[in-house]
Amino acid sequence: NYVVGRTLAEARKALDERRLEQRAE
């Protein structure tokens, strides 16, 4: 859900920004 259309570095940044939501999912 996060990598499509992004580089690895951009995907990592997007994941970091959603860390709280990650814990719930």
PDBML (XML) file of the C-alpha atoms, coordinates in Angstrom:
<?xml version="1.0" encoding="UTF-8" ?>
<PDBx:datablock datablockName="MODEL"
   xmlns:PDBx="http://pdbml.pdb.org/schema/pdbx-v50.xsd"
   xmlns:xsi="http://www.w3.org/2001/XMLSchema-instance"
   xsi:schemaLocation="http://pdbml.pdb.org/schema/pdbx-v50.xsd pdbx-v50.xsd">
   <PDBx:atom_siteCategory>
      <PDBx:atom_site id="1">
         <PDBx:B_iso_or_equiv>0.00</PDBx:B_iso_or_equiv>
         <PDBx:Cartn_x>0.000</PDBx:Cartn_x>
         <PDBx:Cartn_y>0.000</PDBx:Cartn_y>
         <PDBx:Cartn_z>0.000</PDBx:Cartn_z>
         <PDBx:auth_asym_id>A</PDBx:auth_asym_id>
         <PDBx:auth_atom_id>CA</PDBx:auth_atom_id>
         <PDBx:auth_comp_id>ASN</PDBx:auth_comp_id>
         <PDBx:auth_seq_id>1</PDBx:auth_seq_id>
         <PDBx:group_PDB>ATOM</PDBx:group_PDB>
         <PDBx:label_alt_id xsi:nil="true" />
         <PDBx:label_asym_id>A</PDBx:label_asym_id>
         <PDBx:label_atom_id>CA</PDBx:label_atom_id>
         <PDBx:label_comp_id>ASN</PDBx:label_comp_id>
         <PDBx:label_entity_id>1</PDBx:label_entity_id>
         <PDBx:label_seq_id>1</PDBx:label_seq_id>
         <PDBx:occupancy>1.00</PDBx:occupancy>
         <PDBx:pdbx_PDB_model_num>1</PDBx:pdbx_PDB_model_num>
         <PDBx:type_symbol>C</PDBx:type_symbol>
      </PDBx:atom_site>
      <PDBx:atom_site id="2">
         <PDBx:B_iso_or_equiv>0.00</PDBx:B_iso_or_equiv>
         <PDBx:Cartn_x>2.954</PDBx:Cartn_x>
         <PDBx:Cartn_y>2.325</PDBx:Cartn_y>
         <PDBx:Cartn_z>0.531</PDBx:Cartn_z>
         <PDBx:auth_asym_id>A</PDBx:auth_asym_id>
         <PDBx:auth_atom_id>CA</PDBx:auth_atom_id>
         <PDBx:auth_comp_id>TYR</PDBx:auth_comp_id>
         <PDBx:auth_seq_id>2</PDBx:auth_seq_id>
         <PDBx:group_PDB>ATOM</PDBx:group_PDB>
         <PDBx:label_alt_id xsi:nil="true" />
         <PDBx:label_asym_id>A</PDBx:label_asym_id>
         <PDBx:label_atom_id>CA</PDBx:label_atom_id>
         <PDBx:label_comp_id>TYR</PDBx:label_comp_id>
         <PDBx:label_entity_id>1</PDBx:label_entity_id>
         <PDBx:label_seq_id>2</PDBx:label_seq_id>
         <PDBx:occupancy>1.00</PDBx:occupancy>
         <PDBx:pdbx_PDB_model_num>1</PDBx:pdbx_PDB_model_num>
         <PDBx:type_symbol>C</PDBx:type_symbol>
      </PDBx:atom_site>
      <PDBx:atom_site id="3">
         <PDBx:B_iso_or_equiv>0.00</PDBx:B_iso_or_equiv>
         <PDBx:Cartn_x>5.515</PDBx:Cartn_x>
         <PDBx:Cartn_y>1.467</PDBx:Cartn_y>
         <PDBx:Cartn_z>-2.094</PDBx:Cartn_z>
         <PDBx:auth_asym_id>A</PDBx:auth_asym_id>
         <PDBx:auth_atom_id>CA</PDBx:auth_atom_id>
         <PDBx:auth_comp_id>VAL</PDBx:auth_comp_id>
         <PDBx:auth_seq_id>3</PDBx:auth_seq_id>
         <PDBx:group_PDB>ATOM</PDBx:group_PDB>
         <PDBx:label_alt_id xsi:nil="true" />
         <PDBx:label_asym_id>A</PDBx:label_asym_id>
         <PDBx:label_atom_id>CA</PDBx:label_atom_id>
         <PDBx:label_comp_id>VAL</PDBx:label_comp_id>
         <PDBx:label_entity_id>1</PDBx:label_entity_id>
         <PDBx:label_seq_id>3</PDBx:label_seq_id>
         <PDBx:occupancy>1.00</PDBx:occupancy>
         <PDBx:pdbx_PDB_model_num>1</PDBx:pdbx_PDB_model_num>
         <PDBx:type_symbol>C</PDBx:type_symbol>
      </PDBx:atom_site>
      <PDBx:atom_site id="4">
         <PDBx:B_iso_or_equiv>0.00</PDBx:B_iso_or_equiv>
         <PDBx:Cartn_x>3.506</PDBx:Cartn_x>
         <PDBx:Cartn_y>1.885</PDBx:Cartn_y>
         <PDBx:Cartn_z>-5.288</PDBx:Cartn_z>
         <PDBx:auth_asym_id>A</PDBx:auth_asym_id>
         <PDBx:auth_atom_id>CA</PDBx:auth_atom_id>
         <PDBx:auth_comp_id>VAL</PDBx:auth_comp_id>
         <PDBx:auth_seq_id>4</PDBx:auth_seq_id>
         <PDBx:group_PDB>ATOM</PDBx:group_PDB>
         <PDBx:label_alt_id xsi:nil="true" />
         <PDBx:label_asym_id>A</PDBx:label_asym_id>
         <PDBx:label_atom_id>CA</PDBx:label_atom_id>
         <PDBx:label_comp_id>VAL</PDBx:label_comp_id>
         <PDBx:label_entity_id>1</PDBx:label_entity_id>
         <PDBx:label_seq_id>4</PDBx:label_seq_id>
         <PDBx:occupancy>1.00</PDBx:occupancy>
         <PDBx:pdbx_PDB_model_num>1</PDBx:pdbx_PDB_model_num>
         <PDBx:type_symbol>C</PDBx:type_symbol>
      </PDBx:atom_site>
      <PDBx:atom_site id="5">
         <PDBx:B_iso_or_equiv>0.00</PDBx:B_iso_or_equiv>
         <PDBx:Cartn_x>4.699</PDBx:Cartn_x>
         <PDBx:Cartn_y>5.012</PDBx:Cartn_y>
         <PDBx:Cartn_z>-7.054</PDBx:Cartn_z>
         <PDBx:auth_asym_id>A</PDBx:auth_asym_id>
         <PDBx:auth_atom_id>CA</PDBx:auth_atom_id>
         <PDBx:auth_comp_id>GLY</PDBx:auth_comp_id>
         <PDBx:auth_seq_id>5</PDBx:auth_seq_id>
         <PDBx:group_PDB>ATOM</PDBx:group_PDB>
         <PDBx:label_alt_id xsi:nil="true" />
         <PDBx:label_asym_id>A</PDBx:label_asym_id>
         <PDBx:label_atom_id>CA</PDBx:label_atom_id>
         <PDBx:label_comp_id>GLY</PDBx:label_comp_id>
         <PDBx:label_entity_id>1</PDBx:label_entity_id>
         <PDBx:label_seq_id>5</PDBx:label_seq_id>
         <PDBx:occupancy>1.00</PDBx:occupancy>
         <PDBx:pdbx_PDB_model_num>1</PDBx:pdbx_PDB_model_num>
         <PDBx:type_symbol>C</PDBx:type_symbol>
      </PDBx:atom_site>
      <PDBx:atom_site id="6">
         <PDBx:B_iso_or_equiv>0.00</PDBx:B_iso_or_equiv>
         <PDBx:Cartn_x>7.378</PDBx:Cartn_x>
         <PDBx:Cartn_y>5.660</PDBx:Cartn_y>
         <PDBx:Cartn_z>-4.417</PDBx:Cartn_z>
         <PDBx:auth_asym_id>A</PDBx:auth_asym_id>
         <PDBx:auth_atom_id>CA</PDBx:auth_atom_id>
         <PDBx:auth_comp_id>ARG</PDBx:auth_comp_id>
         <PDBx:auth_seq_id>6</PDBx:auth_seq_id>
         <PDBx:group_PDB>ATOM</PDBx:group_PDB>
         <PDBx:label_alt_id xsi:nil="true" />
         <PDBx:label_asym_id>A</PDBx:label_asym_id>
         <PDBx:label_atom_id>CA</PDBx:label_atom_id>
         <PDBx:label_comp_id>ARG</PDBx:label_comp_id>
         <PDBx:label_entity_id>1</PDBx:label_entity_id>
         <PDBx:label_seq_id>6</PDBx:label_seq_id>
         <PDBx:occupancy>1.00</PDBx:occupancy>
         <PDBx:pdbx_PDB_model_num>1</PDBx:pdbx_PDB_model_num>
         <PDBx:type_symbol>C</PDBx:type_symbol>
      </PDBx:atom_site>
      <PDBx:atom_site id="7">
         <PDBx:B_iso_or_equiv>0.00</PDBx:B_iso_or_equiv>
         <PDBx:Cartn_x>11.068</PDBx:Cartn_x>
         <PDBx:Cartn_y>4.966</PDBx:Cartn_y>
         <PDBx:Cartn_z>-3.957</PDBx:Cartn_z>
         <PDBx:auth_asym_id>A</PDBx:auth_asym_id>
         <PDBx:auth_atom_id>CA</PDBx:auth_atom_id>
         <PDBx:auth_comp_id>THR</PDBx:auth_comp_id>
         <PDBx:auth_seq_id>7</PDBx:auth_seq_id>
         <PDBx:group_PDB>ATOM</PDBx:group_PDB>
         <PDBx:label_alt_id xsi:nil="true" />
         <PDBx:label_asym_id>A</PDBx:label_asym_id>
         <PDBx:label_atom_id>CA</PDBx:label_atom_id>
         <PDBx:label_comp_id>THR</PDBx:label_comp_id>
         <PDBx:label_entity_id>1</PDBx:label_entity_id>
         <PDBx:label_seq_id>7</PDBx:label_seq_id>
         <PDBx:occupancy>1.00</PDBx:occupancy>
         <PDBx:pdbx_PDB_model_num>1</PDBx:pdbx_PDB_model_num>
         <PDBx:type_symbol>C</PDBx:type_symbol>
      </PDBx:atom_site>
      <PDBx:atom_site id="8">
         <PDBx:B_iso_or_equiv>0.00</PDBx:B_iso_or_equiv>
         <PDBx:Cartn_x>12.173</PDBx:Cartn_x>
         <PDBx:Cartn_y>2.926</PDBx:Cartn_y>
         <PDBx:Cartn_z>-0.950</PDBx:Cartn_z>
         <PDBx:auth_asym_id>A</PDBx:auth_asym_id>
         <PDBx:auth_atom_id>CA</PDBx:auth_atom_id>
         <PDBx:auth_comp_id>LEU</PDBx:auth_comp_id>
         <PDBx:auth_seq_id>8</PDBx:auth_seq_id>
         <PDBx:group_PDB>ATOM</PDBx:group_PDB>
         <PDBx:label_alt_id xsi:nil="true" />
         <PDBx:label_asym_id>A</PDBx:label_asym_id>
         <PDBx:label_atom_id>CA</PDBx:label_atom_id>
         <PDBx:label_comp_id>LEU</PDBx:label_comp_id>
         <PDBx:label_entity_id>1</PDBx:label_entity_id>
         <PDBx:label_seq_id>8</PDBx:label_seq_id>
         <PDBx:occupancy>1.00</PDBx:occupancy>
         <PDBx:pdbx_PDB_model_num>1</PDBx:pdbx_PDB_model_num>
         <PDBx:type_symbol>C</PDBx:type_symbol>
      </PDBx:atom_site>
      <PDBx:atom_site id="9">
         <PDBx:B_iso_or_equiv>0.00</PDBx:B_iso_or_equiv>
         <PDBx:Cartn_x>13.245</PDBx:Cartn_x>
         <PDBx:Cartn_y>6.089</PDBx:Cartn_y>
         <PDBx:Cartn_z>0.873</PDBx:Cartn_z>
         <PDBx:auth_asym_id>A</PDBx:auth_asym_id>
         <PDBx:auth_atom_id>CA</PDBx:auth_atom_id>
         <PDBx:auth_comp_id>ALA</PDBx:auth_comp_id>
         <PDBx:auth_seq_id>9</PDBx:auth_seq_id>
         <PDBx:group_PDB>ATOM</PDBx:group_PDB>
         <PDBx:label_alt_id xsi:nil="true" />
         <PDBx:label_asym_id>A</PDBx:label_asym_id>
         <PDBx:label_atom_id>CA</PDBx:label_atom_id>
         <PDBx:label_comp_id>ALA</PDBx:label_comp_id>
         <PDBx:label_entity_id>1</PDBx:label_entity_id>
         <PDBx:label_seq_id>9</PDBx:label_seq_id>
         <PDBx:occupancy>1.00</PDBx:occupancy>
         <PDBx:pdbx_PDB_model_num>1</PDBx:pdbx_PDB_model_num>
         <PDBx:type_symbol>C</PDBx:type_symbol>
      </PDBx:atom_site>
      <PDBx:atom_site id="10">
         <PDBx:B_iso_or_equiv>0.00</PDBx:B_iso_or_equiv>
         <PDBx:Cartn_x>9.883</PDBx:Cartn_x>
         <PDBx:Cartn_y>7.743</PDBx:Cartn_y>
         <PDBx:Cartn_z>0.190</PDBx:Cartn_z>
         <PDBx:auth_asym_id>A</PDBx:auth_asym_id>
         <PDBx:auth_atom_id>CA</PDBx:auth_atom_id>
         <PDBx:auth_comp_id>GLU</PDBx:auth_comp_id>
         <PDBx:auth_seq_id>10</PDBx:auth_seq_id>
         <PDBx:group_PDB>ATOM</PDBx:group_PDB>
         <PDBx:label_alt_id xsi:nil="true" />
         <PDBx:label_asym_id>A</PDBx:label_asym_id>
         <PDBx:label_atom_id>CA</PDBx:label_atom_id>
         <PDBx:label_comp_id>GLU</PDBx:label_comp_id>
         <PDBx:label_entity_id>1</PDBx:label_entity_id>
         <PDBx:label_seq_id>10</PDBx:label_seq_id>
         <PDBx:occupancy>1.00</PDBx:occupancy>
         <PDBx:pdbx_PDB_model_num>1</PDBx:pdbx_PDB_model_num>
         <PDBx:type_symbol>C</PDBx:type_symbol>
      </PDBx:atom_site>
      <PDBx:atom_site id="11">
         <PDBx:B_iso_or_equiv>0.00</PDBx:B_iso_or_equiv>
         <PDBx:Cartn_x>8.020</PDBx:Cartn_x>
         <PDBx:Cartn_y>4.617</PDBx:Cartn_y>
         <PDBx:Cartn_z>1.322</PDBx:Cartn_z>
         <PDBx:auth_asym_id>A</PDBx:auth_asym_id>
         <PDBx:auth_atom_id>CA</PDBx:auth_atom_id>
         <PDBx:auth_comp_id>ALA</PDBx:auth_comp_id>
         <PDBx:auth_seq_id>11</PDBx:auth_seq_id>
         <PDBx:group_PDB>ATOM</PDBx:group_PDB>
         <PDBx:label_alt_id xsi:nil="true" />
         <PDBx:label_asym_id>A</PDBx:label_asym_id>
         <PDBx:label_atom_id>CA</PDBx:label_atom_id>
         <PDBx:label_comp_id>ALA</PDBx:label_comp_id>
         <PDBx:label_entity_id>1</PDBx:label_entity_id>
         <PDBx:label_seq_id>11</PDBx:label_seq_id>
         <PDBx:occupancy>1.00</PDBx:occupancy>
         <PDBx:pdbx_PDB_model_num>1</PDBx:pdbx_PDB_model_num>
         <PDBx:type_symbol>C</PDBx:type_symbol>
      </PDBx:atom_site>
      <PDBx:atom_site id="12">
         <PDBx:B_iso_or_equiv>0.00</PDBx:B_iso_or_equiv>
         <PDBx:Cartn_x>10.030</PDBx:Cartn_x>
         <PDBx:Cartn_y>4.551</PDBx:Cartn_y>
         <PDBx:Cartn_z>4.547</PDBx:Cartn_z>
         <PDBx:auth_asym_id>A</PDBx:auth_asym_id>
         <PDBx:auth_atom_id>CA</PDBx:auth_atom_id>
         <PDBx:auth_comp_id>ARG</PDBx:auth_comp_id>
         <PDBx:auth_seq_id>12</PDBx:auth_seq_id>
         <PDBx:group_PDB>ATOM</PDBx:group_PDB>
         <PDBx:label_alt_id xsi:nil="true" />
         <PDBx:label_asym_id>A</PDBx:label_asym_id>
         <PDBx:label_atom_id>CA</PDBx:label_atom_id>
         <PDBx:label_comp_id>ARG</PDBx:label_comp_id>
         <PDBx:label_entity_id>1</PDBx:label_entity_id>
         <PDBx:label_seq_id>12</PDBx:label_seq_id>
         <PDBx:occupancy>1.00</PDBx:occupancy>
         <PDBx:pdbx_PDB_model_num>1</PDBx:pdbx_PDB_model_num>
         <PDBx:type_symbol>C</PDBx:type_symbol>
      </PDBx:atom_site>
      <PDBx:atom_site id="13">
         <PDBx:B_iso_or_equiv>0.00</PDBx:B_iso_or_equiv>
         <PDBx:Cartn_x>9.158</PDBx:Cartn_x>
         <PDBx:Cartn_y>8.196</PDBx:Cartn_y>
         <PDBx:Cartn_z>5.218</PDBx:Cartn_z>
         <PDBx:auth_asym_id>A</PDBx:auth_asym_id>
         <PDBx:auth_atom_id>CA</PDBx:auth_atom_id>
         <PDBx:auth_comp_id>LYS</PDBx:auth_comp_id>
         <PDBx:auth_seq_id>13</PDBx:auth_seq_id>
         <PDBx:group_PDB>ATOM</PDBx:group_PDB>
         <PDBx:label_alt_id xsi:nil="true" />
         <PDBx:label_asym_id>A</PDBx:label_asym_id>
         <PDBx:label_atom_id>CA</PDBx:label_atom_id>
         <PDBx:label_comp_id>LYS</PDBx:label_comp_id>
         <PDBx:label_entity_id>1</PDBx:label_entity_id>
         <PDBx:label_seq_id>13</PDBx:label_seq_id>
         <PDBx:occupancy>1.00</PDBx:occupancy>
         <PDBx:pdbx_PDB_model_num>1</PDBx:pdbx_PDB_model_num>
         <PDBx:type_symbol>C</PDBx:type_symbol>
      </PDBx:atom_site>
      <PDBx:atom_site id="14">
         <PDBx:B_iso_or_equiv>0.00</PDBx:B_iso_or_equiv>
         <PDBx:Cartn_x>5.461</PDBx:Cartn_x>
         <PDBx:Cartn_y>7.514</PDBx:Cartn_y>
         <PDBx:Cartn_z>4.592</PDBx:Cartn_z>
         <PDBx:auth_asym_id>A</PDBx:auth_asym_id>
         <PDBx:auth_atom_id>CA</PDBx:auth_atom_id>
         <PDBx:auth_comp_id>ALA</PDBx:auth_comp_id>
         <PDBx:auth_seq_id>14</PDBx:auth_seq_id>
         <PDBx:group_PDB>ATOM</PDBx:group_PDB>
         <PDBx:label_alt_id xsi:nil="true" />
         <PDBx:label_asym_id>A</PDBx:label_asym_id>
         <PDBx:label_atom_id>CA</PDBx:label_atom_id>
         <PDBx:label_comp_id>ALA</PDBx:label_comp_id>
         <PDBx:label_entity_id>1</PDBx:label_entity_id>
         <PDBx:label_seq_id>14</PDBx:label_seq_id>
         <PDBx:occupancy>1.00</PDBx:occupancy>
         <PDBx:pdbx_PDB_model_num>1</PDBx:pdbx_PDB_model_num>
         <PDBx:type_symbol>C</PDBx:type_symbol>
      </PDBx:atom_site>
      <PDBx:atom_site id="15">
         <PDBx:B_iso_or_equiv>0.00</PDBx:B_iso_or_equiv>
         <PDBx:Cartn_x>5.555</PDBx:Cartn_x>
         <PDBx:Cartn_y>4.563</PDBx:Cartn_y>
         <PDBx:Cartn_z>6.990</PDBx:Cartn_z>
         <PDBx:auth_asym_id>A</PDBx:auth_asym_id>
         <PDBx:auth_atom_id>CA</PDBx:auth_atom_id>
         <PDBx:auth_comp_id>LEU</PDBx:auth_comp_id>
         <PDBx:auth_seq_id>15</PDBx:auth_seq_id>
         <PDBx:group_PDB>ATOM</PDBx:group_PDB>
         <PDBx:label_alt_id xsi:nil="true" />
         <PDBx:label_asym_id>A</PDBx:label_asym_id>
         <PDBx:label_atom_id>CA</PDBx:label_atom_id>
         <PDBx:label_comp_id>LEU</PDBx:label_comp_id>
         <PDBx:label_entity_id>1</PDBx:label_entity_id>
         <PDBx:label_seq_id>15</PDBx:label_seq_id>
         <PDBx:occupancy>1.00</PDBx:occupancy>
         <PDBx:pdbx_PDB_model_num>1</PDBx:pdbx_PDB_model_num>
         <PDBx:type_symbol>C</PDBx:type_symbol>
      </PDBx:atom_site>
      <PDBx:atom_site id="16">
         <PDBx:B_iso_or_equiv>0.00</PDBx:B_iso_or_equiv>
         <PDBx:Cartn_x>7.261</PDBx:Cartn_x>
         <PDBx:Cartn_y>6.644</PDBx:Cartn_y>
         <PDBx:Cartn_z>9.671</PDBx:Cartn_z>
         <PDBx:auth_asym_id>A</PDBx:auth_asym_id>
         <PDBx:auth_atom_id>CA</PDBx:auth_atom_id>
         <PDBx:auth_comp_id>ASP</PDBx:auth_comp_id>
         <PDBx:auth_seq_id>16</PDBx:auth_seq_id>
         <PDBx:group_PDB>ATOM</PDBx:group_PDB>
         <PDBx:label_alt_id xsi:nil="true" />
         <PDBx:label_asym_id>A</PDBx:label_asym_id>
         <PDBx:label_atom_id>CA</PDBx:label_atom_id>
         <PDBx:label_comp_id>ASP</PDBx:label_comp_id>
         <PDBx:label_entity_id>1</PDBx:label_entity_id>
         <PDBx:label_seq_id>16</PDBx:label_seq_id>
         <PDBx:occupancy>1.00</PDBx:occupancy>
         <PDBx:pdbx_PDB_model_num>1</PDBx:pdbx_PDB_model_num>
         <PDBx:type_symbol>C</PDBx:type_symbol>
      </PDBx:atom_site>
      <PDBx:atom_site id="17">
         <PDBx:B_iso_or_equiv>0.00</PDBx:B_iso_or_equiv>
         <PDBx:Cartn_x>4.517</PDBx:Cartn_x>
         <PDBx:Cartn_y>9.231</PDBx:Cartn_y>
         <PDBx:Cartn_z>9.389</PDBx:Cartn_z>
         <PDBx:auth_asym_id>A</PDBx:auth_asym_id>
         <PDBx:auth_atom_id>CA</PDBx:auth_atom_id>
         <PDBx:auth_comp_id>GLU</PDBx:auth_comp_id>
         <PDBx:auth_seq_id>17</PDBx:auth_seq_id>
         <PDBx:group_PDB>ATOM</PDBx:group_PDB>
         <PDBx:label_alt_id xsi:nil="true" />
         <PDBx:label_asym_id>A</PDBx:label_asym_id>
         <PDBx:label_atom_id>CA</PDBx:label_atom_id>
         <PDBx:label_comp_id>GLU</PDBx:label_comp_id>
         <PDBx:label_entity_id>1</PDBx:label_entity_id>
         <PDBx:label_seq_id>17</PDBx:label_seq_id>
         <PDBx:occupancy>1.00</PDBx:occupancy>
         <PDBx:pdbx_PDB_model_num>1</PDBx:pdbx_PDB_model_num>
         <PDBx:type_symbol>C</PDBx:type_symbol>
      </PDBx:atom_site>
      <PDBx:atom_site id="18">
         <PDBx:B_iso_or_equiv>0.00</PDBx:B_iso_or_equiv>
         <PDBx:Cartn_x>1.874</PDBx:Cartn_x>
         <PDBx:Cartn_y>6.555</PDBx:Cartn_y>
         <PDBx:Cartn_z>10.027</PDBx:Cartn_z>
         <PDBx:auth_asym_id>A</PDBx:auth_asym_id>
         <PDBx:auth_atom_id>CA</PDBx:auth_atom_id>
         <PDBx:auth_comp_id>ARG</PDBx:auth_comp_id>
         <PDBx:auth_seq_id>18</PDBx:auth_seq_id>
         <PDBx:group_PDB>ATOM</PDBx:group_PDB>
         <PDBx:label_alt_id xsi:nil="true" />
         <PDBx:label_asym_id>A</PDBx:label_asym_id>
         <PDBx:label_atom_id>CA</PDBx:label_atom_id>
         <PDBx:label_comp_id>ARG</PDBx:label_comp_id>
         <PDBx:label_entity_id>1</PDBx:label_entity_id>
         <PDBx:label_seq_id>18</PDBx:label_seq_id>
         <PDBx:occupancy>1.00</PDBx:occupancy>
         <PDBx:pdbx_PDB_model_num>1</PDBx:pdbx_PDB_model_num>
         <PDBx:type_symbol>C</PDBx:type_symbol>
      </PDBx:atom_site>
      <PDBx:atom_site id="19">
         <PDBx:B_iso_or_equiv>0.00</PDBx:B_iso_or_equiv>
         <PDBx:Cartn_x>3.615</PDBx:Cartn_x>
         <PDBx:Cartn_y>4.766</PDBx:Cartn_y>
         <PDBx:Cartn_z>12.881</PDBx:Cartn_z>
         <PDBx:auth_asym_id>A</PDBx:auth_asym_id>
         <PDBx:auth_atom_id>CA</PDBx:auth_atom_id>
         <PDBx:auth_comp_id>ARG</PDBx:auth_comp_id>
         <PDBx:auth_seq_id>19</PDBx:auth_seq_id>
         <PDBx:group_PDB>ATOM</PDBx:group_PDB>
         <PDBx:label_alt_id xsi:nil="true" />
         <PDBx:label_asym_id>A</PDBx:label_asym_id>
         <PDBx:label_atom_id>CA</PDBx:label_atom_id>
         <PDBx:label_comp_id>ARG</PDBx:label_comp_id>
         <PDBx:label_entity_id>1</PDBx:label_entity_id>
         <PDBx:label_seq_id>19</PDBx:label_seq_id>
         <PDBx:occupancy>1.00</PDBx:occupancy>
         <PDBx:pdbx_PDB_model_num>1</PDBx:pdbx_PDB_model_num>
         <PDBx:type_symbol>C</PDBx:type_symbol>
      </PDBx:atom_site>
      <PDBx:atom_site id="20">
         <PDBx:B_iso_or_equiv>0.00</PDBx:B_iso_or_equiv>
         <PDBx:Cartn_x>0.694</PDBx:Cartn_x>
         <PDBx:Cartn_y>5.145</PDBx:Cartn_y>
         <PDBx:Cartn_z>15.315</PDBx:Cartn_z>
         <PDBx:auth_asym_id>A</PDBx:auth_asym_id>
         <PDBx:auth_atom_id>CA</PDBx:auth_atom_id>
         <PDBx:auth_comp_id>LEU</PDBx:auth_comp_id>
         <PDBx:auth_seq_id>20</PDBx:auth_seq_id>
         <PDBx:group_PDB>ATOM</PDBx:group_PDB>
         <PDBx:label_alt_id xsi:nil="true" />
         <PDBx:label_asym_id>A</PDBx:label_asym_id>
         <PDBx:label_atom_id>CA</PDBx:label_atom_id>
         <PDBx:label_comp_id>LEU</PDBx:label_comp_id>
         <PDBx:label_entity_id>1</PDBx:label_entity_id>
         <PDBx:label_seq_id>20</PDBx:label_seq_id>
         <PDBx:occupancy>1.00</PDBx:occupancy>
         <PDBx:pdbx_PDB_model_num>1</PDBx:pdbx_PDB_model_num>
         <PDBx:type_symbol>C</PDBx:type_symbol>
      </PDBx:atom_site>
      <PDBx:atom_site id="21">
         <PDBx:B_iso_or_equiv>0.00</PDBx:B_iso_or_equiv>
         <PDBx:Cartn_x>-1.739</PDBx:Cartn_x>
         <PDBx:Cartn_y>3.695</PDBx:Cartn_y>
         <PDBx:Cartn_z>12.796</PDBx:Cartn_z>
         <PDBx:auth_asym_id>A</PDBx:auth_asym_id>
         <PDBx:auth_atom_id>CA</PDBx:auth_atom_id>
         <PDBx:auth_comp_id>GLU</PDBx:auth_comp_id>
         <PDBx:auth_seq_id>21</PDBx:auth_seq_id>
         <PDBx:group_PDB>ATOM</PDBx:group_PDB>
         <PDBx:label_alt_id xsi:nil="true" />
         <PDBx:label_asym_id>A</PDBx:label_asym_id>
         <PDBx:label_atom_id>CA</PDBx:label_atom_id>
         <PDBx:label_comp_id>GLU</PDBx:label_comp_id>
         <PDBx:label_entity_id>1</PDBx:label_entity_id>
         <PDBx:label_seq_id>21</PDBx:label_seq_id>
         <PDBx:occupancy>1.00</PDBx:occupancy>
         <PDBx:pdbx_PDB_model_num>1</PDBx:pdbx_PDB_model_num>
         <PDBx:type_symbol>C</PDBx:type_symbol>
      </PDBx:atom_site>
      <PDBx:atom_site id="22">
         <PDBx:B_iso_or_equiv>0.00</PDBx:B_iso_or_equiv>
         <PDBx:Cartn_x>0.681</PDBx:Cartn_x>
         <PDBx:Cartn_y>0.819</PDBx:Cartn_y>
         <PDBx:Cartn_z>12.166</PDBx:Cartn_z>
         <PDBx:auth_asym_id>A</PDBx:auth_asym_id>
         <PDBx:auth_atom_id>CA</PDBx:auth_atom_id>
         <PDBx:auth_comp_id>GLN</PDBx:auth_comp_id>
         <PDBx:auth_seq_id>22</PDBx:auth_seq_id>
         <PDBx:group_PDB>ATOM</PDBx:group_PDB>
         <PDBx:label_alt_id xsi:nil="true" />
         <PDBx:label_asym_id>A</PDBx:label_asym_id>
         <PDBx:label_atom_id>CA</PDBx:label_atom_id>
         <PDBx:label_comp_id>GLN</PDBx:label_comp_id>
         <PDBx:label_entity_id>1</PDBx:label_entity_id>
         <PDBx:label_seq_id>22</PDBx:label_seq_id>
         <PDBx:occupancy>1.00</PDBx:occupancy>
         <PDBx:pdbx_PDB_model_num>1</PDBx:pdbx_PDB_model_num>
         <PDBx:type_symbol>C</PDBx:type_symbol>
      </PDBx:atom_site>
      <PDBx:atom_site id="23">
         <PDBx:B_iso_or_equiv>0.00</PDBx:B_iso_or_equiv>
         <PDBx:Cartn_x>0.430</PDBx:Cartn_x>
         <PDBx:Cartn_y>-0.266</PDBx:Cartn_y>
         <PDBx:Cartn_z>15.783</PDBx:Cartn_z>
         <PDBx:auth_asym_id>A</PDBx:auth_asym_id>
         <PDBx:auth_atom_id>CA</PDBx:auth_atom_id>
         <PDBx:auth_comp_id>ARG</PDBx:auth_comp_id>
         <PDBx:auth_seq_id>23</PDBx:auth_seq_id>
         <PDBx:group_PDB>ATOM</PDBx:group_PDB>
         <PDBx:label_alt_id xsi:nil="true" />
         <PDBx:label_asym_id>A</PDBx:label_asym_id>
         <PDBx:label_atom_id>CA</PDBx:label_atom_id>
         <PDBx:label_comp_id>ARG</PDBx:label_comp_id>
         <PDBx:label_entity_id>1</PDBx:label_entity_id>
         <PDBx:label_seq_id>23</PDBx:label_seq_id>
         <PDBx:occupancy>1.00</PDBx:occupancy>
         <PDBx:pdbx_PDB_model_num>1</PDBx:pdbx_PDB_model_num>
         <PDBx:type_symbol>C</PDBx:type_symbol>
      </PDBx:atom_site>
      <PDBx:atom_site id="24">
         <PDBx:B_iso_or_equiv>0.00</PDBx:B_iso_or_equiv>
         <PDBx:Cartn_x>-3.313</PDBx:Cartn_x>
         <PDBx:Cartn_y>-0.605</PDBx:Cartn_y>
         <PDBx:Cartn_z>15.457</PDBx:Cartn_z>
         <PDBx:auth_asym_id>A</PDBx:auth_asym_id>
         <PDBx:auth_atom_id>CA</PDBx:auth_atom_id>
         <PDBx:auth_comp_id>ALA</PDBx:auth_comp_id>
         <PDBx:auth_seq_id>24</PDBx:auth_seq_id>
         <PDBx:group_PDB>ATOM</PDBx:group_PDB>
         <PDBx:label_alt_id xsi:nil="true" />
         <PDBx:label_asym_id>A</PDBx:label_asym_id>
         <PDBx:label_atom_id>CA</PDBx:label_atom_id>
         <PDBx:label_comp_id>ALA</PDBx:label_comp_id>
         <PDBx:label_entity_id>1</PDBx:label_entity_id>
         <PDBx:label_seq_id>24</PDBx:label_seq_id>
         <PDBx:occupancy>1.00</PDBx:occupancy>
         <PDBx:pdbx_PDB_model_num>1</PDBx:pdbx_PDB_model_num>
         <PDBx:type_symbol>C</PDBx:type_symbol>
      </PDBx:atom_site>
      <PDBx:atom_site id="25">
         <PDBx:B_iso_or_equiv>0.00</PDBx:B_iso_or_equiv>
         <PDBx:Cartn_x>-3.135</PDBx:Cartn_x>
         <PDBx:Cartn_y>-2.592</PDBx:Cartn_y>
         <PDBx:Cartn_z>12.203</PDBx:Cartn_z>
         <PDBx:auth_asym_id>A</PDBx:auth_asym_id>
         <PDBx:auth_atom_id>CA</PDBx:auth_atom_id>
         <PDBx:auth_comp_id>GLU</PDBx:auth_comp_id>
         <PDBx:auth_seq_id>25</PDBx:auth_seq_id>
         <PDBx:group_PDB>ATOM</PDBx:group_PDB>
         <PDBx:label_alt_id xsi:nil="true" />
         <PDBx:label_asym_id>A</PDBx:label_asym_id>
         <PDBx:label_atom_id>CA</PDBx:label_atom_id>
         <PDBx:label_comp_id>GLU</PDBx:label_comp_id>
         <PDBx:label_entity_id>1</PDBx:label_entity_id>
         <PDBx:label_seq_id>25</PDBx:label_seq_id>
         <PDBx:occupancy>1.00</PDBx:occupancy>
         <PDBx:pdbx_PDB_model_num>1</PDBx:pdbx_PDB_model_num>
         <PDBx:type_symbol>C</PDBx:type_symbol>
      </PDBx:atom_site>
   </PDBx:atom_siteCategory>
</PDBx:datablock>
